[in-house]
Amino acid sequence: MEINVINRAVAIIKPKAPYLEWANGVAQSYESLEDLVKSSRAILIPNDAYDGMETFLKKNFSLIFELELESWVSDNHNWPPKRDYDTFTKWFDVEAYALVVDLSEAELLREPYDG
């Protein structure tokens, strides 16, 4: 089996208690933070973003924040009104990893994300 490395780093977006409180308020879906963290989102990021993660997040937190909110409620009228960088860091931990190894033999496919 051929093992490949792809030219991306990965960031895991892990919800914290304030996100859980909001999610339970609008969707009543998770009973514990542990359950919510188990379904954390992984996003591929540029390799150079790994070394400058805070800079990358400051430029892209709004999109990531909206993806996380939209995963619960598509109607943005139910989203929290304050969605600045400080709020993002209170609602989410981000773990980044520099090396992404592809153990699948299937071809990588890219398609538009539709929520």
N, C-alpha and C. Protein backbone atom coordinates (compact mmCIF):
# COMPACT_ATOMS: atom_id res chain seq x y z
N MET A 1 0.84 -1.17 0.00
CA MET A 1 0.00 0.00 0.00
C MET A 1 0.89 1.24 0.00
N GLU A 2 0.56 2.16 -0.87
CA GLU A 2 1.30 3.42 -0.93
C GLU A 2 0.73 4.39 0.10
N ILE A 3 1.61 5.03 0.85
CA ILE A 3 1.19 6.02 1.84
C ILE A 3 1.54 7.40 1.30
N ASN A 4 0.57 8.29 1.30
CA ASN A 4 0.78 9.63 0.78
C ASN A 4 0.59 10.68 1.86
N VAL A 5 1.31 11.77 1.70
CA VAL A 5 1.15 12.95 2.53
C VAL A 5 0.53 14.01 1.64
N ILE A 6 -0.46 14.72 2.15
CA ILE A 6 -1.06 15.78 1.33
C ILE A 6 -0.54 17.14 1.77
N ASN A 7 -0.62 18.09 0.89
CA ASN A 7 -0.05 19.41 1.15
C ASN A 7 -1.02 20.32 1.90
N ARG A 8 -1.47 19.84 3.04
CA ARG A 8 -2.34 20.58 3.93
C ARG A 8 -1.99 20.24 5.37
N ALA A 9 -2.32 21.14 6.26
CA ALA A 9 -2.34 20.86 7.69
C ALA A 9 -3.81 20.66 8.03
N VAL A 10 -4.08 20.30 9.28
CA VAL A 10 -5.47 20.11 9.69
C VAL A 10 -5.70 20.84 11.01
N ALA A 11 -6.88 21.41 11.14
CA ALA A 11 -7.29 22.04 12.39
C ALA A 11 -8.57 21.36 12.86
N ILE A 12 -8.61 21.02 14.13
CA ILE A 12 -9.79 20.42 14.74
C ILE A 12 -10.47 21.51 15.56
N ILE A 13 -11.73 21.77 15.26
CA ILE A 13 -12.49 22.82 15.93
C ILE A 13 -13.29 22.15 17.05
N LYS A 14 -12.89 22.40 18.30
CA LYS A 14 -13.51 21.73 19.45
C LYS A 14 -14.38 22.71 20.23
N PRO A 15 -15.67 22.44 20.28
CA PRO A 15 -16.59 23.33 21.01
C PRO A 15 -16.30 23.34 22.50
N LYS A 16 -16.59 24.49 23.11
CA LYS A 16 -16.49 24.67 24.56
C LYS A 16 -17.90 24.89 25.13
N ALA A 17 -17.97 25.05 26.43
CA ALA A 17 -19.25 25.18 27.13
C ALA A 17 -20.18 26.27 26.58
N PRO A 18 -19.71 27.47 26.24
CA PRO A 18 -20.64 28.48 25.72
C PRO A 18 -21.34 28.03 24.42
N TYR A 19 -20.62 27.30 23.56
CA TYR A 19 -21.24 26.79 22.34
C TYR A 19 -22.32 25.76 22.70
N LEU A 20 -22.01 24.89 23.64
CA LEU A 20 -22.98 23.88 24.08
C LEU A 20 -24.24 24.55 24.61
N GLU A 21 -24.08 25.59 25.42
CA GLU A 21 -25.24 26.29 25.97
C GLU A 21 -26.09 26.87 24.84
N TRP A 22 -25.45 27.49 23.85
CA TRP A 22 -26.19 28.03 22.72
C TRP A 22 -26.87 26.91 21.93
N ALA A 23 -26.13 25.84 21.62
CA ALA A 23 -26.67 24.73 20.83
C ALA A 23 -27.87 24.10 21.52
N ASN A 24 -27.77 23.88 22.81
CA ASN A 24 -28.90 23.30 23.54
C ASN A 24 -30.08 24.27 23.60
N GLY A 25 -29.80 25.57 23.58
CA GLY A 25 -30.86 26.56 23.60
C GLY A 25 -31.65 26.61 22.30
N VAL A 26 -31.00 26.29 21.18
CA VAL A 26 -31.70 26.37 19.90
C VAL A 26 -32.07 25.01 19.32
N ALA A 27 -31.40 23.95 19.74
CA ALA A 27 -31.67 22.65 19.12
C ALA A 27 -31.84 21.52 20.12
N GLN A 28 -31.44 21.71 21.37
CA GLN A 28 -31.55 20.69 22.41
C GLN A 28 -31.04 19.34 21.92
N SER A 29 -29.78 19.32 21.47
CA SER A 29 -29.27 18.13 20.82
C SER A 29 -28.27 17.31 21.65
N TYR A 30 -27.46 17.96 22.45
CA TYR A 30 -26.44 17.24 23.19
C TYR A 30 -26.64 17.40 24.68
N GLU A 31 -26.38 16.33 25.39
CA GLU A 31 -26.53 16.38 26.83
C GLU A 31 -25.24 16.78 27.53
N SER A 32 -24.10 16.59 26.88
CA SER A 32 -22.84 16.91 27.54
C SER A 32 -21.84 17.50 26.54
N LEU A 33 -20.90 18.22 27.08
CA LEU A 33 -19.84 18.78 26.25
C LEU A 33 -19.00 17.66 25.64
N GLU A 34 -18.80 16.59 26.37
CA GLU A 34 -18.03 15.45 25.85
C GLU A 34 -18.67 14.89 24.58
N ASP A 35 -20.00 14.78 24.58
CA ASP A 35 -20.69 14.30 23.38
C ASP A 35 -20.49 15.25 22.21
N LEU A 36 -20.55 16.54 22.49
CA LEU A 36 -20.40 17.54 21.44
C LEU A 36 -18.98 17.52 20.87
N VAL A 37 -17.99 17.40 21.72
CA VAL A 37 -16.60 17.37 21.28
C VAL A 37 -16.32 16.15 20.41
N LYS A 38 -16.99 15.05 20.67
CA LYS A 38 -16.81 13.84 19.87
C LYS A 38 -17.16 14.06 18.40
N SER A 39 -18.00 15.03 18.13
CA SER A 39 -18.38 15.30 16.74
C SER A 39 -17.69 16.56 16.20
N SER A 40 -16.53 16.88 16.74
CA SER A 40 -15.79 18.06 16.30
C SER A 40 -15.49 18.02 14.81
N ARG A 41 -15.44 19.19 14.22
CA ARG A 41 -15.16 19.34 12.79
C ARG A 41 -13.66 19.42 12.57
N ALA A 42 -13.18 18.75 11.53
CA ALA A 42 -11.79 18.86 11.09
C ALA A 42 -11.78 19.64 9.79
N ILE A 43 -10.90 20.61 9.69
CA ILE A 43 -10.79 21.38 8.46
C ILE A 43 -9.35 21.35 7.97
N LEU A 44 -9.20 21.20 6.67
CA LEU A 44 -7.88 21.27 6.06
C LEU A 44 -7.51 22.74 5.90
N ILE A 45 -6.28 23.06 6.22
CA ILE A 45 -5.80 24.44 6.13
C ILE A 45 -4.47 24.44 5.37
N PRO A 46 -4.07 25.59 4.86
CA PRO A 46 -2.77 25.63 4.17
C PRO A 46 -1.64 25.23 5.11
N ASN A 47 -0.62 24.58 4.57
CA ASN A 47 0.52 24.15 5.39
C ASN A 47 1.12 25.30 6.19
N ASP A 48 1.26 26.46 5.56
CA ASP A 48 1.91 27.59 6.25
C ASP A 48 1.04 28.16 7.36
N ALA A 49 -0.23 27.83 7.40
CA ALA A 49 -1.11 28.32 8.46
C ALA A 49 -0.78 27.65 9.80
N TYR A 50 -0.20 26.47 9.75
CA TYR A 50 0.14 25.75 10.98
C TYR A 50 1.10 26.56 11.84
N ASP A 51 2.12 27.13 11.23
CA ASP A 51 3.11 27.91 11.98
C ASP A 51 2.58 29.27 12.41
N GLY A 52 1.58 29.76 11.74
CA GLY A 52 0.98 31.05 12.08
C GLY A 52 -0.49 30.89 12.38
N MET A 53 -0.80 29.94 13.25
CA MET A 53 -2.20 29.57 13.50
C MET A 53 -3.03 30.74 13.99
N GLU A 54 -2.52 31.53 14.91
CA GLU A 54 -3.31 32.64 15.43
C GLU A 54 -3.62 33.66 14.33
N THR A 55 -2.64 33.94 13.49
CA THR A 55 -2.86 34.86 12.37
C THR A 55 -3.89 34.29 11.43
N PHE A 56 -3.78 33.01 11.12
CA PHE A 56 -4.75 32.35 10.24
C PHE A 56 -6.16 32.43 10.84
N LEU A 57 -6.27 32.14 12.13
CA LEU A 57 -7.59 32.16 12.76
C LEU A 57 -8.19 33.56 12.78
N LYS A 58 -7.36 34.56 13.04
CA LYS A 58 -7.87 35.93 13.06
C LYS A 58 -8.42 36.34 11.69
N LYS A 59 -7.84 35.80 10.62
CA LYS A 59 -8.31 36.11 9.27
C LYS A 59 -9.54 35.28 8.89
N ASN A 60 -9.68 34.09 9.47
CA ASN A 60 -10.69 33.13 9.01
C ASN A 60 -11.71 32.71 10.06
N PHE A 61 -11.62 33.26 11.28
CA PHE A 61 -12.51 32.79 12.34
C PHE A 61 -13.98 32.99 12.00
N SER A 62 -14.29 34.06 11.29
CA SER A 62 -15.69 34.36 11.00
C SER A 62 -16.33 33.23 10.17
N LEU A 63 -15.64 32.78 9.15
CA LEU A 63 -16.15 31.68 8.32
C LEU A 63 -16.28 30.40 9.14
N ILE A 64 -15.26 30.09 9.93
CA ILE A 64 -15.30 28.87 10.76
C ILE A 64 -16.45 28.96 11.77
N PHE A 65 -16.59 30.12 12.40
CA PHE A 65 -17.66 30.34 13.37
C PHE A 65 -19.02 30.10 12.70
N GLU A 66 -19.21 30.66 11.52
CA GLU A 66 -20.48 30.51 10.81
C GLU A 66 -20.74 29.06 10.40
N LEU A 67 -19.69 28.34 10.01
CA LEU A 67 -19.85 26.91 9.68
C LEU A 67 -20.34 26.13 10.89
N GLU A 68 -19.77 26.44 12.05
CA GLU A 68 -20.17 25.75 13.28
C GLU A 68 -21.60 26.09 13.67
N LEU A 69 -21.96 27.35 13.57
CA LEU A 69 -23.33 27.76 13.91
C LEU A 69 -24.33 27.16 12.94
N GLU A 70 -23.98 27.20 11.66
CA GLU A 70 -24.87 26.68 10.62
C GLU A 70 -25.08 25.17 10.75
N SER A 71 -24.13 24.47 11.35
CA SER A 71 -24.30 23.03 11.52
C SER A 71 -25.46 22.72 12.47
N TRP A 72 -25.87 23.70 13.28
CA TRP A 72 -27.01 23.52 14.18
C TRP A 72 -28.26 24.20 13.67
N VAL A 73 -28.10 25.44 13.22
CA VAL A 73 -29.26 26.23 12.81
C VAL A 73 -28.90 27.01 11.56
N SER A 74 -29.60 26.74 10.47
CA SER A 74 -29.28 27.44 9.22
C SER A 74 -29.80 28.88 9.21
N ASP A 75 -30.82 29.16 10.00
CA ASP A 75 -31.38 30.51 10.07
C ASP A 75 -30.49 31.38 10.95
N ASN A 76 -29.76 32.30 10.33
CA ASN A 76 -28.80 33.10 11.10
C ASN A 76 -29.47 34.08 12.06
N HIS A 77 -30.79 34.19 12.04
CA HIS A 77 -31.48 35.02 13.03
C HIS A 77 -31.39 34.41 14.43
N ASN A 78 -31.12 33.11 14.49
CA ASN A 78 -30.97 32.43 15.77
C ASN A 78 -29.51 32.36 16.24
N TRP A 79 -28.62 32.91 15.45
CA TRP A 79 -27.20 32.92 15.83
C TRP A 79 -26.95 34.01 16.86
N PRO A 80 -25.93 33.83 17.67
CA PRO A 80 -25.62 34.88 18.65
C PRO A 80 -25.20 36.16 17.92
N PRO A 81 -25.63 37.31 18.40
CA PRO A 81 -25.30 38.57 17.71
C PRO A 81 -23.82 38.93 17.77
N LYS A 82 -23.16 38.54 18.85
CA LYS A 82 -21.73 38.85 18.99
C LYS A 82 -20.90 37.67 18.49
N ARG A 83 -20.24 37.88 17.34
CA ARG A 83 -19.45 36.81 16.75
C ARG A 83 -18.07 37.34 16.38
N ASP A 84 -17.40 37.96 17.33
CA ASP A 84 -16.07 38.49 17.10
C ASP A 84 -15.02 37.44 17.47
N TYR A 85 -13.75 37.78 17.27
CA TYR A 85 -12.67 36.82 17.52
C TYR A 85 -12.61 36.41 18.99
N ASP A 86 -12.83 37.35 19.89
CA ASP A 86 -12.81 37.02 21.32
C ASP A 86 -13.90 36.00 21.66
N THR A 87 -15.08 36.19 21.11
CA THR A 87 -16.17 35.23 21.35
C THR A 87 -15.81 33.86 20.75
N PHE A 88 -15.25 33.88 19.55
CA PHE A 88 -14.82 32.62 18.91
C PHE A 88 -13.88 31.84 19.83
N THR A 89 -12.89 32.51 20.40
CA THR A 89 -11.92 31.81 21.26
C THR A 89 -12.53 31.35 22.58
N LYS A 90 -13.62 31.99 23.00
CA LYS A 90 -14.32 31.53 24.21
C LYS A 90 -15.21 30.33 23.91
N TRP A 91 -15.65 30.22 22.66
CA TRP A 91 -16.57 29.16 22.28
C TRP A 91 -15.88 27.92 21.72
N PHE A 92 -14.63 28.08 21.22
CA PHE A 92 -13.95 26.96 20.57
C PHE A 92 -12.47 26.90 20.92
N ASP A 93 -11.96 25.68 21.06
CA ASP A 93 -10.53 25.42 21.06
C ASP A 93 -10.18 24.94 19.67
N VAL A 94 -9.00 25.28 19.21
CA VAL A 94 -8.56 24.82 17.90
C VAL A 94 -7.23 24.10 18.09
N GLU A 95 -7.20 22.85 17.68
CA GLU A 95 -5.97 22.06 17.70
C GLU A 95 -5.50 21.90 16.27
N ALA A 96 -4.24 22.23 16.02
CA ALA A 96 -3.71 22.13 14.66
C ALA A 96 -2.63 21.06 14.59
N TYR A 97 -2.57 20.39 13.45
CA TYR A 97 -1.58 19.35 13.20
C TYR A 97 -0.95 19.60 11.83
N ALA A 98 0.37 19.52 11.77
CA ALA A 98 1.11 19.90 10.58
C ALA A 98 1.11 18.84 9.48
N LEU A 99 1.01 17.60 9.85
CA LEU A 99 1.16 16.52 8.87
C LEU A 99 -0.15 15.77 8.68
N VAL A 100 -0.59 15.68 7.43
CA VAL A 100 -1.79 14.93 7.11
C VAL A 100 -1.39 13.78 6.20
N VAL A 101 -1.58 12.57 6.69
CA VAL A 101 -1.23 11.36 5.95
C VAL A 101 -2.52 10.76 5.41
N ASP A 102 -2.50 10.39 4.15
CA ASP A 102 -3.66 9.81 3.48
C ASP A 102 -3.44 8.31 3.35
N LEU A 103 -4.16 7.52 4.12
CA LEU A 103 -4.03 6.06 4.07
C LEU A 103 -5.04 5.41 3.13
N SER A 104 -5.87 6.23 2.53
CA SER A 104 -6.86 5.70 1.59
C SER A 104 -6.25 5.57 0.20
N GLU A 105 -6.70 4.57 -0.51
CA GLU A 105 -6.25 4.41 -1.90
C GLU A 105 -7.18 5.14 -2.86
N ALA A 106 -8.31 5.62 -2.36
CA ALA A 106 -9.26 6.34 -3.21
C ALA A 106 -8.71 7.72 -3.57
N GLU A 107 -9.08 8.18 -4.75
CA GLU A 107 -8.66 9.50 -5.20
C GLU A 107 -9.32 10.58 -4.33
N LEU A 108 -8.56 11.63 -4.03
CA LEU A 108 -9.13 12.76 -3.31
C LEU A 108 -10.10 13.51 -4.24
N LEU A 109 -11.27 13.81 -3.73
CA LEU A 109 -12.26 14.54 -4.51
C LEU A 109 -12.56 15.86 -3.80
N ARG A 110 -12.82 16.87 -4.60
CA ARG A 110 -13.23 18.17 -4.05
C ARG A 110 -14.59 18.50 -4.63
N GLU A 111 -15.49 18.92 -3.78
CA GLU A 111 -16.79 19.35 -4.23
C GLU A 111 -17.27 20.48 -3.33
N PRO A 112 -18.14 21.32 -3.81
CA PRO A 112 -18.61 22.46 -3.02
C PRO A 112 -19.32 21.99 -1.75
N TYR A 113 -19.09 22.70 -0.68
CA TYR A 113 -19.73 22.42 0.60
C TYR A 113 -21.10 23.09 0.62
N ASP A 114 -22.13 22.33 0.97
CA ASP A 114 -23.46 22.92 0.99
C ASP A 114 -24.12 22.85 2.36
N GLY A 115 -23.29 22.71 3.40
CA GLY A 115 -23.83 22.70 4.75
C GLY A 115 -24.36 21.37 5.09
